[in-house]
N, C-alpha and C. Protein backbone atom coordinates (compact mmCIF):
# COMPACT_ATOMS: atom_id res chain seq x y z
N UNK A 1 100.37 79.63 116.78
CA UNK A 1 100.70 81.02 116.91
C UNK A 1 101.53 81.25 118.14
N UNK A 2 102.34 82.25 118.07
CA UNK A 2 103.30 82.52 119.18
C UNK A 2 103.15 83.98 119.53
N UNK A 3 103.18 84.28 120.83
CA UNK A 3 103.09 85.71 121.23
C UNK A 3 104.55 86.22 121.29
N UNK A 4 104.70 87.32 120.57
CA UNK A 4 106.04 87.89 120.52
C UNK A 4 106.03 89.24 121.32
N UNK A 5 106.88 89.28 122.33
CA UNK A 5 106.93 90.43 123.20
C UNK A 5 107.69 91.61 122.63
N UNK A 6 108.83 91.23 122.04
CA UNK A 6 109.65 92.31 121.44
C UNK A 6 110.13 91.93 120.04
N UNK A 7 109.66 92.64 119.06
CA UNK A 7 109.92 92.27 117.66
C UNK A 7 111.04 93.26 117.21
N UNK A 8 112.28 92.74 117.08
CA UNK A 8 113.42 93.56 116.67
C UNK A 8 113.55 93.63 115.16
N UNK A 9 113.52 92.43 114.59
CA UNK A 9 113.59 92.28 113.12
C UNK A 9 112.60 91.16 112.71
N UNK A 10 111.93 91.37 111.60
CA UNK A 10 110.90 90.43 111.21
C UNK A 10 110.93 90.26 109.71
N UNK A 11 110.37 89.16 109.19
CA UNK A 11 110.31 88.95 107.82
C UNK A 11 108.95 89.25 107.27
N UNK A 12 107.96 89.47 107.95
CA UNK A 12 106.64 89.75 107.52
C UNK A 12 106.54 91.19 107.05
N UNK A 13 105.77 91.39 106.04
CA UNK A 13 105.55 92.73 105.48
C UNK A 13 104.73 93.53 106.36
N UNK A 14 103.80 92.95 107.16
CA UNK A 14 102.94 93.76 108.04
C UNK A 14 103.60 94.00 109.36
N UNK A 15 103.44 95.25 109.84
CA UNK A 15 103.97 95.64 111.14
C UNK A 15 102.94 95.34 112.20
N UNK A 16 103.34 94.65 113.30
CA UNK A 16 102.37 94.43 114.48
C UNK A 16 101.99 95.87 115.01
N UNK A 17 100.74 95.98 115.43
CA UNK A 17 100.24 97.25 115.84
C UNK A 17 100.71 97.52 117.27
N UNK A 18 100.91 96.48 118.12
CA UNK A 18 101.29 96.68 119.47
C UNK A 18 102.32 95.57 119.96
N UNK A 19 103.04 95.88 120.93
CA UNK A 19 103.94 94.96 121.54
C UNK A 19 103.05 93.82 122.27
N UNK A 20 103.42 92.64 122.02
CA UNK A 20 102.57 91.60 122.62
C UNK A 20 101.48 91.01 121.69
N UNK A 21 101.36 91.65 120.52
CA UNK A 21 100.38 91.16 119.55
C UNK A 21 100.75 89.76 119.04
N UNK A 22 99.74 88.90 118.83
CA UNK A 22 99.97 87.54 118.42
C UNK A 22 100.32 87.57 116.91
N UNK A 23 101.56 87.07 116.53
CA UNK A 23 101.98 86.94 115.19
C UNK A 23 102.40 85.53 114.88
N UNK A 24 102.31 85.11 113.73
CA UNK A 24 102.85 83.72 113.40
C UNK A 24 104.41 83.69 113.68
N UNK A 25 104.81 82.48 114.25
CA UNK A 25 106.20 82.40 114.64
C UNK A 25 107.11 82.48 113.36
N UNK A 26 106.65 82.02 112.18
CA UNK A 26 107.37 82.12 110.95
C UNK A 26 107.61 83.56 110.52
N UNK A 27 106.84 84.56 110.97
CA UNK A 27 106.98 85.92 110.59
C UNK A 27 108.06 86.63 111.37
N UNK A 28 108.62 85.98 112.35
CA UNK A 28 109.70 86.61 113.10
C UNK A 28 111.08 86.04 112.84
N UNK A 29 112.07 86.96 112.47
CA UNK A 29 113.34 86.41 112.20
C UNK A 29 114.15 86.30 113.49
N UNK A 30 114.69 85.17 113.77
CA UNK A 30 115.45 84.86 115.00
C UNK A 30 116.88 85.30 114.77
N UNK A 31 117.28 86.27 115.61
CA UNK A 31 118.70 86.80 115.45
C UNK A 31 119.51 86.55 116.67
N UNK A 32 119.07 85.70 117.60
CA UNK A 32 119.81 85.49 118.87
C UNK A 32 120.68 84.18 118.83
N UNK A 33 120.97 83.72 117.60
CA UNK A 33 121.80 82.55 117.45
C UNK A 33 123.23 83.00 117.76
N UNK A 34 123.86 82.28 118.70
CA UNK A 34 125.33 82.58 118.94
C UNK A 34 126.21 81.97 117.95
N UNK A 35 127.28 82.71 117.52
CA UNK A 35 128.22 82.19 116.55
C UNK A 35 129.60 82.16 117.34
N UNK A 36 130.23 80.99 117.26
CA UNK A 36 131.52 80.77 117.85
C UNK A 36 132.48 80.31 116.72
N UNK A 37 133.70 80.75 116.88
CA UNK A 37 134.80 80.25 116.03
C UNK A 37 135.29 78.96 116.57
N UNK A 38 135.54 77.97 115.66
CA UNK A 38 135.99 76.67 116.15
C UNK A 38 137.26 76.77 116.87
N UNK A 39 138.09 77.69 116.52
CA UNK A 39 139.42 77.90 117.20
C UNK A 39 139.17 78.26 118.63
N UNK A 40 138.14 78.97 118.97
CA UNK A 40 137.78 79.36 120.31
C UNK A 40 137.43 78.13 121.10
N UNK A 41 136.66 77.21 120.43
CA UNK A 41 136.29 75.94 121.16
C UNK A 41 137.51 75.01 121.36
N UNK A 42 138.22 74.84 120.33
CA UNK A 42 139.27 73.77 120.26
C UNK A 42 140.64 74.25 120.85
N UNK A 43 140.95 75.56 120.76
CA UNK A 43 142.24 76.08 121.17
C UNK A 43 143.29 75.35 120.27
N UNK A 44 144.27 74.67 121.02
CA UNK A 44 145.33 73.94 120.28
C UNK A 44 144.98 72.48 120.15
N UNK A 45 143.85 71.99 120.73
CA UNK A 45 143.51 70.63 120.67
C UNK A 45 142.57 70.32 119.44
N UNK A 46 142.06 69.07 119.43
CA UNK A 46 141.14 68.75 118.45
C UNK A 46 139.88 68.03 118.95
N UNK A 47 139.57 68.08 120.24
CA UNK A 47 138.40 67.53 120.91
C UNK A 47 137.92 68.43 121.95
N UNK A 48 136.65 68.58 122.19
CA UNK A 48 136.11 69.22 123.31
C UNK A 48 134.90 68.37 123.76
N UNK A 49 134.67 68.41 125.11
CA UNK A 49 133.51 67.75 125.69
C UNK A 49 132.47 68.74 125.99
N UNK A 50 131.20 68.30 125.60
CA UNK A 50 130.12 69.24 125.81
C UNK A 50 129.06 68.50 126.72
N UNK A 51 128.68 69.11 127.77
CA UNK A 51 127.65 68.43 128.63
C UNK A 51 126.28 69.04 128.31
N UNK A 52 125.38 68.18 127.98
CA UNK A 52 124.00 68.63 127.71
C UNK A 52 123.09 67.79 128.65
N UNK A 53 122.45 68.54 129.65
CA UNK A 53 121.76 67.87 130.73
C UNK A 53 122.66 66.88 131.35
N UNK A 54 122.34 65.53 131.35
CA UNK A 54 123.12 64.59 132.10
C UNK A 54 124.04 63.87 131.08
N UNK A 55 124.04 64.19 129.87
CA UNK A 55 124.87 63.45 128.83
C UNK A 55 126.13 64.32 128.49
N UNK A 56 127.25 63.56 128.15
CA UNK A 56 128.48 64.18 127.68
C UNK A 56 128.61 63.74 126.13
N UNK A 57 128.86 64.80 125.43
CA UNK A 57 129.21 64.62 124.04
C UNK A 57 130.63 65.01 123.73
N UNK A 58 131.17 64.44 122.66
CA UNK A 58 132.51 64.87 122.25
C UNK A 58 132.49 65.42 120.83
N UNK A 59 132.98 66.64 120.71
CA UNK A 59 133.04 67.27 119.43
C UNK A 59 134.41 67.19 118.99
N UNK A 60 134.72 66.58 117.82
CA UNK A 60 135.99 66.23 117.41
C UNK A 60 136.31 66.98 116.00
N UNK A 61 137.44 67.45 115.85
CA UNK A 61 137.93 68.10 114.60
C UNK A 61 138.86 67.12 113.98
N UNK A 62 138.53 66.65 112.67
CA UNK A 62 139.23 65.60 112.00
C UNK A 62 140.41 66.18 111.24
N UNK A 63 141.25 65.35 110.74
CA UNK A 63 142.40 65.77 109.91
C UNK A 63 141.95 66.42 108.59
N UNK A 64 140.76 66.05 108.17
CA UNK A 64 140.16 66.62 106.99
C UNK A 64 139.36 67.98 107.31
N UNK A 65 139.55 68.40 108.49
CA UNK A 65 138.93 69.72 108.95
C UNK A 65 137.37 69.65 108.93
N UNK A 66 136.86 68.46 109.33
CA UNK A 66 135.45 68.32 109.48
C UNK A 66 135.20 68.07 110.98
N UNK A 67 133.83 68.30 111.33
CA UNK A 67 133.45 68.27 112.74
C UNK A 67 132.62 67.00 112.86
N UNK A 68 132.92 66.19 113.97
CA UNK A 68 132.12 65.00 114.29
C UNK A 68 131.67 65.10 115.73
N UNK A 69 130.39 65.01 115.90
CA UNK A 69 129.77 65.01 117.31
C UNK A 69 129.34 63.67 117.70
N UNK A 70 129.96 63.04 118.81
CA UNK A 70 129.46 61.71 119.25
C UNK A 70 129.03 61.77 120.64
N UNK A 71 128.28 60.88 121.09
CA UNK A 71 127.77 60.70 122.44
C UNK A 71 128.63 59.73 123.20
């Protein structure tokens, strides 16, 4: 079970009675996922480096317009 402090949009048919009520995590629709256009990331190139914690990853755009992520 997960405590949800602010429920903006949900998939459950039941409405929580109060803010902070315990509801199953599956009942809450997550809408905070960021969406980026690949053009924004790549610009005029075909590779970007992404640092995650101490590791560096390379996201590459192929000639077939596919994305490949390598460490």
